[in-house]
C-alpha atoms as a PDB file:
ATOM      1  CA  MET A   1       1.160  25.016   7.274  1.00  0.00           C
ATOM      2  CA  SER A   2       2.151  22.676  10.079  1.00  0.00           C
ATOM      3  CA  THR A   3       5.344  20.666   9.959  1.00  0.00           C
ATOM      4  CA  SER A   4       4.732  18.646  13.134  1.00  0.00           C
ATOM      5  CA  TYR A   5       4.656  14.876  13.267  1.00  0.00           C
ATOM      6  CA  ALA A   6       1.247  13.180  13.120  1.00  0.00           C
ATOM      7  CA  ARG A   7       1.208   9.885  15.034  1.00  0.00           C
ATOM      8  CA  GLY A   8      -1.315   7.218  14.126  1.00  0.00           C
ATOM      9  CA  ALA A   9      -2.041   8.984  10.859  1.00  0.00           C
ATOM     10  CA  VAL A  10      -2.624   7.947   7.286  1.00  0.00           C
ATOM     11  CA  VAL A  11       0.623   9.039   5.606  1.00  0.00           C
ATOM     12  CA  VAL A  12       0.753   9.989   1.924  1.00  0.00           C
ATOM     13  CA  GLY A  13       3.823  10.885  -0.132  1.00  0.00           C
ATOM     14  CA  VAL A  14       3.658  13.833  -2.537  1.00  0.00           C
ATOM     15  CA  ASP A  15       5.940  15.273  -5.193  1.00  0.00           C
ATOM     16  CA  ALA A  16       6.328  18.375  -7.334  1.00  0.00           C
ATOM     17  CA  THR A  17       4.050  17.572 -10.275  1.00  0.00           C
ATOM     18  CA  PRO A  18       0.980  19.867 -10.410  1.00  0.00           C
ATOM     19  CA  GLY A  19      -2.593  18.580 -10.370  1.00  0.00           C
ATOM     20  CA  ALA A  20      -4.583  16.352  -8.002  1.00  0.00           C
ATOM     21  CA  GLY A  21      -3.876  12.611  -8.040  1.00  0.00           C
ATOM     22  CA  PRO A  22      -5.579   9.409  -6.910  1.00  0.00           C
ATOM     23  CA  ALA A  23      -3.058   8.663  -4.141  1.00  0.00           C
ATOM     24  CA  LEU A  24      -3.898  11.837  -2.237  1.00  0.00           C
ATOM     25  CA  THR A  25      -7.615  11.389  -2.868  1.00  0.00           C
ATOM     26  CA  TRP A  26      -7.441   7.777  -1.668  1.00  0.00           C
ATOM     27  CA  ALA A  27      -5.497   8.765   1.457  1.00  0.00           C
ATOM     28  CA  VAL A  28      -7.842  11.645   2.294  1.00  0.00           C
ATOM     29  CA  ASP A  29     -10.929   9.449   2.056  1.00  0.00           C
ATOM     30  CA  GLU A  30      -9.286   6.631   4.015  1.00  0.00           C
ATOM     31  CA  ALA A  31      -8.300   8.987   6.831  1.00  0.00           C
ATOM     32  CA  VAL A  32     -11.889  10.217   7.068  1.00  0.00           C
ATOM     33  CA  LEU A  33     -13.272   6.663   7.170  1.00  0.00           C
ATOM     34  CA  ARG A  34     -10.853   5.738   9.942  1.00  0.00           C
ATOM     35  CA  ARG A  35     -11.260   9.064  11.776  1.00  0.00           C
ATOM     36  CA  LEU A  36      -7.515   9.613  11.685  1.00  0.00           C
ATOM     37  CA  PRO A  37      -5.379  12.632  10.786  1.00  0.00           C
ATOM     38  CA  LEU A  38      -3.717  12.824   7.381  1.00  0.00           C
ATOM     39  CA  HIS A  39       0.053  13.299   7.258  1.00  0.00           C
ATOM     40  CA  VAL A  40       1.205  14.672   3.893  1.00  0.00           C
ATOM     41  CA  VAL A  41       4.952  14.270   3.323  1.00  0.00           C
ATOM     42  CA  PHE A  42       7.246  15.728   0.677  1.00  0.00           C
ATOM     43  CA  ALA A  43      10.715  14.129   0.726  1.00  0.00           C
ATOM     44  CA  ALA A  44      13.220  16.692  -0.591  1.00  0.00           C
ATOM     45  CA  ASP A  45      16.229  14.696  -1.715  1.00  0.00           C
ATOM     46  CA  ALA A  46      19.299  15.630  -3.753  1.00  0.00           C
ATOM     47  CA  PRO A  47      21.125  12.298  -4.241  1.00  0.00           C
ATOM     48  CA  TRP A  48      23.209  13.699  -7.084  1.00  0.00           C
ATOM     49  CA  LEU A  49      25.082  15.847  -4.551  1.00  0.00           C
ATOM     50  CA  GLU A  50      26.646  12.822  -2.864  1.00  0.00           C
ATOM     51  CA  GLY A  51      30.227  12.627  -4.020  1.00  0.00           C
ATOM     52  CA  GLY A  52      29.578  15.522  -6.402  1.00  0.00           C
ATOM     53  CA  SER A  53      32.023  18.202  -7.450  1.00  0.00           C
ATOM     54  CA  VAL A  54      32.648  21.471  -5.643  1.00  0.00           C
ATOM     55  CA  GLU A  55      30.870  23.248  -8.474  1.00  0.00           C
ATOM     56  CA  LEU A  56      27.710  21.184  -7.971  1.00  0.00           C
ATOM     57  CA  THR A  57      27.765  21.800  -4.225  1.00  0.00           C
ATOM     58  CA  SER A  58      28.201  25.517  -4.778  1.00  0.00           C
ATOM     59  CA  LEU A  59      25.367  25.548  -7.307  1.00  0.00           C
ATOM     60  CA  TRP A  60      23.069  23.798  -4.873  1.00  0.00           C
ATOM     61  CA  SER A  61      23.901  26.261  -2.084  1.00  0.00           C
ATOM     62  CA  SER A  62      22.574  29.097  -4.234  1.00  0.00           C
ATOM     63  CA  TRP A  63      19.755  27.206  -5.949  1.00  0.00           C
ATOM     64  CA  GLY A  64      18.662  25.026  -3.037  1.00  0.00           C
ATOM     65  CA  PRO A  65      16.591  27.609  -1.099  1.00  0.00           C
ATOM     66  CA  ALA A  66      14.512  28.411  -4.176  1.00  0.00           C
ATOM     67  CA  GLN A  67      13.963  24.715  -4.852  1.00  0.00           C
ATOM     68  CA  ARG A  68      12.931  24.134  -1.261  1.00  0.00           C
ATOM     69  CA  ALA A  69      10.468  27.029  -1.483  1.00  0.00           C
ATOM     70  CA  ALA A  70       8.975  25.426  -4.603  1.00  0.00           C
ATOM     71  CA  HIS A  71       8.626  22.111  -2.767  1.00  0.00           C
ATOM     72  CA  ALA A  72       6.928  23.881   0.133  1.00  0.00           C
ATOM     73  CA  ALA A  73       4.457  25.455  -2.285  1.00  0.00           C
ATOM     74  CA  VAL A  74       3.571  22.036  -3.725  1.00  0.00           C
ATOM     75  CA  LEU A  75       3.145  20.674  -0.217  1.00  0.00           C
ATOM     76  CA  GLN A  76       0.818  23.548   0.653  1.00  0.00           C
ATOM     77  CA  GLU A  77      -1.174  22.865  -2.510  1.00  0.00           C
ATOM     78  CA  ALA A  78      -1.547  19.237  -1.488  1.00  0.00           C
ATOM     79  CA  ARG A  79      -2.695  20.246   1.988  1.00  0.00           C
ATOM     80  CA  ASP A  80      -5.196  22.713   0.545  1.00  0.00           C
ATOM     81  CA  TYR A  81      -6.589  20.001  -1.722  1.00  0.00           C
ATOM     82  CA  ALA A  82      -7.033  17.622   1.229  1.00  0.00           C
ATOM     83  CA  VAL A  83      -8.766  20.233   3.377  1.00  0.00           C
ATOM     84  CA  GLY A  84     -10.952  21.289   0.468  1.00  0.00           C
ATOM     85  CA  ARG A  85     -12.033  17.703  -0.175  1.00  0.00           C
ATOM     86  CA  GLN A  86     -12.724  16.960   3.511  1.00  0.00           C
ATOM     87  CA  PRO A  87     -13.018  20.241   5.481  1.00  0.00           C
ATOM     88  CA  GLY A  88     -13.216  18.512   8.868  1.00  0.00           C
ATOM     89  CA  LEU A  89     -10.046  16.484   8.343  1.00  0.00           C
ATOM     90  CA  THR A  90      -6.947  17.208  10.428  1.00  0.00           C
ATOM     91  CA  VAL A  91      -4.059  17.575   7.963  1.00  0.00           C
ATOM     92  CA  VAL A  92      -0.382  17.793   8.887  1.00  0.00           C
ATOM     93  CA  ALA A  93       2.080  18.726   6.133  1.00  0.00           C
ATOM     94  CA  GLU A  94       5.804  17.976   6.378  1.00  0.00           C
ATOM     95  CA  LEU A  95       8.726  18.916   4.166  1.00  0.00           C
ATOM     96  CA  ALA A  96      11.392  16.355   5.059  1.00  0.00           C
ATOM     97  CA  ASP A  97      15.022  15.940   4.033  1.00  0.00           C
ATOM     98  CA  GLY A  98      16.062  12.559   2.652  1.00  0.00           C
ATOM     99  CA  SER A  99      15.134   9.940   0.100  1.00  0.00           C
ATOM    100  CA  PRO A 100      11.442   9.060  -0.286  1.00  0.00           C
ATOM    101  CA  VAL A 101      11.983   5.467   0.837  1.00  0.00           C
ATOM    102  CA  ASP A 102      13.945   6.452   3.955  1.00  0.00           C
ATOM    103  CA  VAL A 103      11.604   9.286   4.905  1.00  0.00           C
ATOM    104  CA  LEU A 104       8.405   7.284   4.534  1.00  0.00           C
ATOM    105  CA  ARG A 105       9.852   4.165   6.131  1.00  0.00           C
ATOM    106  CA  ALA A 106      10.921   6.202   9.164  1.00  0.00           C
ATOM    107  CA  ARG A 107       7.336   7.368   9.669  1.00  0.00           C
ATOM    108  CA  ALA A 108       5.772   3.940   9.190  1.00  0.00           C
ATOM    109  CA  PRO A 109       6.113   2.537  12.750  1.00  0.00           C
ATOM    110  CA  ASP A 110       3.792   5.200  14.196  1.00  0.00           C
ATOM    111  CA  SER A 111       1.402   5.299  11.222  1.00  0.00           C
ATOM    112  CA  ALA A 112      -1.784   3.478  10.283  1.00  0.00           C
ATOM    113  CA  MET A 113      -0.558   3.096   6.694  1.00  0.00           C
ATOM    114  CA  VAL A 114       1.642   4.760   4.069  1.00  0.00           C
ATOM    115  CA  VAL A 115       0.106   5.638   0.694  1.00  0.00           C
ATOM    116  CA  ILE A 116       2.042   6.271  -2.520  1.00  0.00           C
ATOM    117  CA  GLY A 117       1.050   6.611  -6.158  1.00  0.00           C
ATOM    118  CA  SER A 118       2.059   4.670  -9.222  1.00  0.00           C
ATOM    119  CA  ARG A 119       2.556   7.197 -12.043  1.00  0.00           C
ATOM    120  CA  HIS A 120       4.351  10.475 -12.663  1.00  0.00           C
ATOM    121  CA  ARG A 121       1.135  12.533 -12.830  1.00  0.00           C
ATOM    122  CA  GLY A 122      -0.821  14.875 -10.635  1.00  0.00           C
ATOM    123  CA  ILE A 123      -0.001  16.762  -7.468  1.00  0.00           C
ATOM    124  CA  VAL A 124       0.358  13.408  -5.812  1.00  0.00           C
ATOM    125  CA  ARG A 125       1.933  10.337  -7.332  1.00  0.00           C
ATOM    126  CA  GLU A 126       4.531   7.868  -6.250  1.00  0.00           C
ATOM    127  CA  LEU A 127       7.593   9.789  -5.199  1.00  0.00           C
ATOM    128  CA  LEU A 128       9.700   8.168  -7.919  1.00  0.00           C
ATOM    129  CA  SER A 129       8.139   5.039  -9.364  1.00  0.00           C
ATOM    130  CA  ARG A 130       6.626   1.835  -8.069  1.00  0.00           C
ATOM    131  CA  GLY A 131       9.837   0.023  -8.892  1.00  0.00           C
ATOM    132  CA  SER A 132      12.151   2.351  -6.985  1.00  0.00           C
ATOM    133  CA  VAL A 133       9.913   3.288  -4.039  1.00  0.00           C
ATOM    134  CA  GLY A 134       7.057   0.811  -3.816  1.00  0.00           C
ATOM    135  CA  LYS A 135       9.056  -2.393  -3.519  1.00  0.00           C
ATOM    136  CA  PRO A 136      11.691  -1.319  -0.963  1.00  0.00           C
ATOM    137  CA  LEU A 137       9.089   0.541   1.057  1.00  0.00           C
ATOM    138  CA  ALA A 138       6.667  -2.393   1.088  1.00  0.00           C
ATOM    139  CA  ALA A 139       9.494  -4.789   1.943  1.00  0.00           C
ATOM    140  CA  HIS A 140      10.643  -2.969   5.059  1.00  0.00           C
ATOM    141  CA  ALA A 141       7.901  -0.611   6.271  1.00  0.00           C
ATOM    142  CA  ALA A 142       6.440  -1.420   9.682  1.00  0.00           C
ATOM    143  CA  CYS A 143       2.867  -0.677   8.579  1.00  0.00           C
ATOM    144  CA  PRO A 144       0.692  -1.464   5.549  1.00  0.00           C
ATOM    145  CA  VAL A 145       1.844   0.210   2.321  1.00  0.00           C
ATOM    146  CA  VAL A 146      -0.795   1.201  -0.226  1.00  0.00           C
ATOM    147  CA  VAL A 147       0.143   1.676  -3.880  1.00  0.00           C
ATOM    148  CA  VAL A 148      -2.627   3.513  -5.730  1.00  0.00           C
ATOM    149  CA  ARG A 149      -2.812   3.099  -9.477  1.00  0.00           C
ATOM    150  CA  GLU A 150      -3.695   5.847 -11.918  1.00  0.00           C
ATOM    151  CA  PRO A 151      -6.141   6.587 -13.297  1.00  0.00           C
ATOM    152  CA  GLU A 152      -8.631   5.804 -10.547  1.00  0.00           C
ATOM    153  CA  PRO A 153     -10.024   2.293 -11.025  1.00  0.00           C
ATOM    154  CA  VAL A 154     -13.656   1.693 -11.891  1.00  0.00           C
ATOM    155  CA  THR A 155     -15.119  -0.299  -9.028  1.00  0.00           C
ATOM    156  CA  HIS A 156     -17.874  -2.892  -9.285  1.00  0.00           C
ATOM    157  CA  ALA A 157     -21.202  -2.723  -7.434  1.00  0.00           C
ATOM    158  CA  PRO A 158     -21.523  -3.989  -4.804  1.00  0.00           C
ATOM    159  CA  PRO A 159     -18.047  -2.820  -3.722  1.00  0.00           C
ATOM    160  CA  HIS A 160     -15.627  -5.549  -2.765  1.00  0.00           C
ATOM    161  CA  VAL A 161     -12.177  -6.016  -1.243  1.00  0.00           C
ATOM    162  CA  VAL A 162      -9.952  -8.934  -2.295  1.00  0.00           C
ATOM    163  CA  VAL A 163      -7.393 -10.604  -0.029  1.00  0.00           C
ATOM    164  CA  GLY A 164      -4.868 -13.295  -0.902  1.00  0.00           C
ATOM    165  CA  VAL A 165      -4.709 -16.170   1.593  1.00  0.00           C
ATOM    166  CA  ASP A 166      -2.054 -18.849   1.997  1.00  0.00           C
ATOM    167  CA  GLY A 167      -2.051 -19.686   5.716  1.00  0.00           C
ATOM    168  CA  SER A 168       1.253 -17.999   6.597  1.00  0.00           C
ATOM    169  CA  ALA A 169       1.602 -15.551   9.493  1.00  0.00           C
ATOM    170  CA  VAL A 170       1.792 -12.577   7.169  1.00  0.00           C
ATOM    171  CA  SER A 171      -1.269 -13.850   5.330  1.00  0.00           C
ATOM    172  CA  THR A 172      -3.106 -13.862   8.657  1.00  0.00           C
ATOM    173  CA  GLU A 173      -2.235 -10.189   9.086  1.00  0.00           C
ATOM    174  CA  ALA A 174      -3.464  -9.486   5.570  1.00  0.00           C
ATOM    175  CA  VAL A 175      -6.791 -11.182   6.353  1.00  0.00           C
ATOM    176  CA  ARG A 176      -7.186  -9.105   9.521  1.00  0.00           C
ATOM    177  CA  PHE A 177      -6.497  -5.876   7.629  1.00  0.00           C
ATOM    178  CA  ALA A 178      -8.816  -6.863   4.781  1.00  0.00           C
ATOM    179  CA  PHE A 179     -11.729  -7.503   7.140  1.00  0.00           C
ATOM    180  CA  GLU A 180     -11.093  -4.133   8.734  1.00  0.00           C
ATOM    181  CA  GLU A 181     -11.054  -2.380   5.357  1.00  0.00           C
ATOM    182  CA  ALA A 182     -14.194  -4.164   4.184  1.00  0.00           C
ATOM    183  CA  ALA A 183     -15.986  -3.037   7.341  1.00  0.00           C
ATOM    184  CA  PHE A 184     -14.862   0.574   6.944  1.00  0.00           C
ATOM    185  CA  HIS A 185     -15.943   0.634   3.292  1.00  0.00           C
ATOM    186  CA  GLU A 186     -19.147  -1.385   3.840  1.00  0.00           C
ATOM    187  CA  ALA A 187     -17.876  -3.766   1.190  1.00  0.00           C
ATOM    188  CA  ARG A 188     -17.948  -7.479   0.477  1.00  0.00           C
ATOM    189  CA  LEU A 189     -14.731  -9.380   1.194  1.00  0.00           C
ATOM    190  CA  VAL A 190     -13.512 -12.000  -1.275  1.00  0.00           C
ATOM    191  CA  ALA A 191     -10.832 -14.254   0.229  1.00  0.00           C
ATOM    192  CA  VAL A 192      -8.855 -15.964  -2.532  1.00  0.00           C
ATOM    193  CA  SER A 193      -6.590 -18.989  -2.379  1.00  0.00           C
ATOM    194  CA  ALA A 194      -4.609 -19.915  -5.494  1.00  0.00           C
ATOM    195  CA  TRP A 195      -3.374 -23.457  -5.920  1.00  0.00           C
ATOM    196  CA  GLN A 196      -1.261 -25.308  -8.456  1.00  0.00           C
ATOM    197  CA  PRO A 197      -0.939 -29.073  -8.891  1.00  0.00           C
ATOM    198  CA  PRO A 198       2.258 -30.617  -7.529  1.00  0.00           C
ATOM    199  CA  ARG A 199       4.928 -31.045 -10.169  1.00  0.00           C
ATOM    200  CA  LEU A 200       5.068 -34.531 -11.692  1.00  0.00           C
ATOM    201  CA  ARG A 201       2.077 -35.536  -9.560  1.00  0.00           C
ATOM    202  CA  ASP A 202      -0.988 -34.399 -11.437  1.00  0.00           C
ATOM    203  CA  LEU A 203      -2.961 -37.263  -9.932  1.00  0.00           C
ATOM    204  CA  ALA A 204      -2.680 -35.437  -6.571  1.00  0.00           C
ATOM    205  CA  SER A 205      -4.357 -32.276  -7.835  1.00  0.00           C
ATOM    206  CA  GLU A 206      -7.503 -32.953  -5.817  1.00  0.00           C
ATOM    207  CA  ASP A 207      -5.396 -33.100  -2.657  1.00  0.00           C
ATOM    208  CA  ALA A 208      -3.806 -29.745  -3.483  1.00  0.00           C
ATOM    209  CA  GLU A 209      -7.185 -28.142  -4.047  1.00  0.00           C
ATOM    210  CA  ASP A 210      -8.600 -29.616  -0.846  1.00  0.00           C
ATOM    211  CA  GLU A 211      -5.621 -28.267   1.087  1.00  0.00           C
ATOM    212  CA  ALA A 212      -6.178 -24.798  -0.368  1.00  0.00           C
ATOM    213  CA  ARG A 213      -9.817 -24.922   0.733  1.00  0.00           C
ATOM    214  CA  ARG A 214      -8.828 -26.025   4.228  1.00  0.00           C
ATOM    215  CA  VAL A 215      -6.274 -23.241   4.598  1.00  0.00           C
ATOM    216  CA  LEU A 216      -8.763 -20.679   3.344  1.00  0.00           C
ATOM    217  CA  ALA A 217     -11.440 -21.822   5.786  1.00  0.00           C
ATOM    218  CA  GLU A 218      -9.049 -21.858   8.751  1.00  0.00           C
ATOM    219  CA  SER A 219      -7.502 -18.497   7.887  1.00  0.00           C
ATOM    220  CA  THR A 220     -10.862 -16.709   7.839  1.00  0.00           C
ATOM    221  CA  ALA A 221     -12.478 -18.597  10.725  1.00  0.00           C
ATOM    222  CA  GLY A 222     -13.546 -16.376  13.609  1.00  0.00           C
ATOM    223  CA  TRP A 223     -13.493 -13.112  11.700  1.00  0.00           C
ATOM    224  CA  ARG A 224     -17.173 -13.272  10.796  1.00  0.00           C
ATOM    225  CA  GLU A 225     -17.991 -13.021  14.509  1.00  0.00           C
ATOM    226  CA  LYS A 226     -15.838  -9.917  14.889  1.00  0.00           C
ATOM    227  CA  TYR A 227     -17.102  -8.329  11.662  1.00  0.00           C
ATOM    228  CA  PRO A 228     -20.661  -9.684  11.242  1.00  0.00           C
ATOM    229  CA  GLN A 229     -21.514  -6.868   8.827  1.00  0.00           C
ATOM    230  CA  VAL A 230     -18.943  -8.096   6.294  1.00  0.00           C
ATOM    231  CA  ASP A 231     -20.222 -10.420   3.575  1.00  0.00           C
ATOM    232  CA  LEU A 232     -17.390 -12.959   3.220  1.00  0.00           C
ATOM    233  CA  ARG A 233     -16.968 -15.030   0.074  1.00  0.00           C
ATOM    234  CA  HIS A 234     -14.374 -17.779  -0.501  1.00  0.00           C
ATOM    235  CA  SER A 235     -12.712 -18.401  -3.865  1.00  0.00           C
ATOM    236  CA  VAL A 236     -10.321 -21.287  -4.570  1.00  0.00           C
ATOM    237  CA  VAL A 237      -8.799 -21.032  -8.050  1.00  0.00           C
ATOM    238  CA  ARG A 238      -6.187 -23.082  -9.870  1.00  0.00           C
ATOM    239  CA  GLY A 239      -3.370 -20.977 -11.315  1.00  0.00           C
ATOM    240  CA  HIS A 240      -0.424 -18.755 -10.509  1.00  0.00           C
ATOM    241  CA  PRO A 241      -1.191 -16.471  -7.531  1.00  0.00           C
ATOM    242  CA  VAL A 242      -0.392 -13.230  -9.384  1.00  0.00           C
ATOM    243  CA  ARG A 243      -2.764 -14.069 -12.219  1.00  0.00           C
ATOM    244  CA  VAL A 244      -5.467 -15.469  -9.947  1.00  0.00           C
ATOM    245  CA  LEU A 245      -5.415 -12.503  -7.562  1.00  0.00           C
ATOM    246  CA  GLY A 246      -5.159 -10.001 -10.400  1.00  0.00           C
ATOM    247  CA  ASP A 247      -8.218 -11.486 -12.093  1.00  0.00           C
ATOM    248  CA  ALA A 248     -10.159 -11.531  -8.817  1.00  0.00           C
ATOM    249  CA  ALA A 249      -9.301  -7.882  -8.153  1.00  0.00           C
ATOM    250  CA  ARG A 250     -10.704  -6.447 -11.380  1.00  0.00           C
ATOM    251  CA  ARG A 251     -12.903  -3.502 -10.347  1.00  0.00           C
ATOM    252  CA  ALA A 252     -12.190  -4.178  -6.658  1.00  0.00           C
ATOM    253  CA  LEU A 253     -11.758  -1.372  -4.142  1.00  0.00           C
ATOM    254  CA  MET A 254      -8.355  -2.811  -3.265  1.00  0.00           C
ATOM    255  CA  LEU A 255      -6.272  -5.976  -3.222  1.00  0.00           C
ATOM    256  CA  VAL A 256      -4.651  -6.939   0.086  1.00  0.00           C
ATOM    257  CA  ALA A 257      -1.625  -9.252   0.270  1.00  0.00           C
ATOM    258  CA  GLY A 258       1.175 -10.122   2.655  1.00  0.00           C
ATOM    259  CA  SER A 259       4.595  -8.586   2.116  1.00  0.00           C
ATOM    260  CA  ARG A 260       6.380 -11.896   1.660  1.00  0.00           C
ATOM    261  CA  GLY A 261       4.120 -13.614  -0.778  1.00  0.00           C
ATOM    262  CA  LEU A 262       2.670 -17.097  -0.583  1.00  0.00           C
ATOM    263  CA  GLY A 263       4.521 -19.353   1.819  1.00  0.00           C
ATOM    264  CA  GLY A 264       5.753 -16.531   4.028  1.00  0.00           C
ATOM    265  CA  PHE A 265       9.444 -17.061   3.282  1.00  0.00           C
ATOM    266  CA  SER A 266      11.107 -14.708   5.782  1.00  0.00           C
ATOM    267  CA  GLY A 267      14.418 -14.688   3.940  1.00  0.00           C
ATOM    268  CA  LEU A 268      12.990 -12.857   0.934  1.00  0.00           C
ATOM    269  CA  VAL A 269      13.103  -9.069   0.805  1.00  0.00           C
ATOM    270  CA  LEU A 270       9.692  -8.966  -0.831  1.00  0.00           C
ATOM    271  CA  GLY A 271       7.801 -12.020  -1.993  1.00  0.00           C
ATOM    272  CA  SER A 272       7.629 -12.663  -5.723  1.00  0.00           C
ATOM    273  CA  VAL A 273       3.824 -12.659  -5.547  1.00  0.00           C
ATOM    274  CA  SER A 274       3.783  -9.289  -3.797  1.00  0.00           C
ATOM    275  CA  GLN A 275       6.199  -7.858  -6.362  1.00  0.00           C
ATOM    276  CA  GLY A 276       4.070  -9.167  -9.205  1.00  0.00           C
ATOM    277  CA  LEU A 277       0.939  -7.621  -7.726  1.00  0.00           C
ATOM    278  CA  LEU A 278       2.628  -4.226  -7.386  1.00  0.00           C
ATOM    279  CA  HIS A 279       3.297  -4.278 -11.118  1.00  0.00           C
ATOM    280  CA  HIS A 280       0.171  -5.919 -12.483  1.00  0.00           C
ATOM    281  CA  ALA A 281      -2.792  -5.551 -10.103  1.00  0.00           C
ATOM    282  CA  PRO A 282      -5.692  -3.589 -11.649  1.00  0.00           C
ATOM    283  CA  CYS A 283      -6.598  -1.703  -8.444  1.00  0.00           C
ATOM    284  CA  PRO A 284      -4.922  -0.192  -5.360  1.00  0.00           C
ATOM    285  CA  VAL A 285      -2.649  -2.757  -3.717  1.00  0.00           C
ATOM    286  CA  VAL A 286      -2.145  -2.980   0.050  1.00  0.00           C
ATOM    287  CA  ILE A 287       0.997  -4.801   1.167  1.00  0.00           C
ATOM    288  CA  VAL A 288       0.712  -5.838   4.821  1.00  0.00           C
ATOM    289  CA  PRO A 289       4.000  -6.433   6.682  1.00  0.00           C
ATOM    290  CA  GLN A 290       5.175  -9.528   8.480  1.00  0.00           C
ATOM    291  CA  PRO A 291       4.132  -9.472  12.158  1.00  0.00           C
ATOM    292  CA  ALA A 292       6.841  -8.092  14.456  1.00  0.00           C
ATOM    293  CA  GLY A 293       8.994 -10.817  15.976  1.00  0.00           C
ATOM    294  CA  ASP A 294       7.848 -13.439  13.481  1.00  0.00           C
ATOM    295  CA  GLY A 295      11.146 -13.907  11.709  1.00  0.00           C
ATOM    296  CA  ALA A 296      10.987 -10.827   9.527  1.00  0.00           C
ATOM    297  CA  ALA A 297      14.237 -10.052   7.795  1.00  0.00           C
END
């Protein structure tokens, strides 16, 4: 089992629960589609030792090697599953010291994406939970973060990818990534813009809807020429973005959104829309980061 560093890879986080899980499966298949290596990471962390008693430290010194060996066995099992599913895939397995968020975030700058799960099941799942790993990782990782729900979603034929559009810089990055994913998966792309009437000005609702349509058209302009094989559909829907995008993503292959939510407010750690999608979206969610040098916090 290799413990080297895989640059440009699809990275997936694993943990110690036995059984195969959708996050690993999703990452394996994505790596094959993109012709990239798969980097399987187990973050071995012992946060309870920080500031702990001498007795705890002594206990860990005797118990730690056995625990690390158990983690290595789980990592090997994950690697074996990946190779068995896709025999031609290059798989690098790494047992790393540190918290899941810190370990995965450190590998993000040189990675195509980081994939984590959403439940405490299977050989692969989110390293802790979507609340404790997904949000901080998506907020600060320098590459797209994919949160895969369990059980595996039932997709709709023809397959489709959904992307949320609001005209911000991070939304532009999300659109780019969504076109790329739709091309890789030979899927339709549904670009969605949610709008709500201005408060106390319901008579201006038509203006708000027209603006949403304009932003949607401008945000997707030019991409059809680069990805002519992608069937692009526009959808402008009145309602809260989390509800609108969640409804649009039912039985979708994935839902793509920017890390800072609608409006691209750079001062937020993670946009409220993005947070809502991590909790409520009915399919894998891809959170695309703010472009480097564009005011990211």
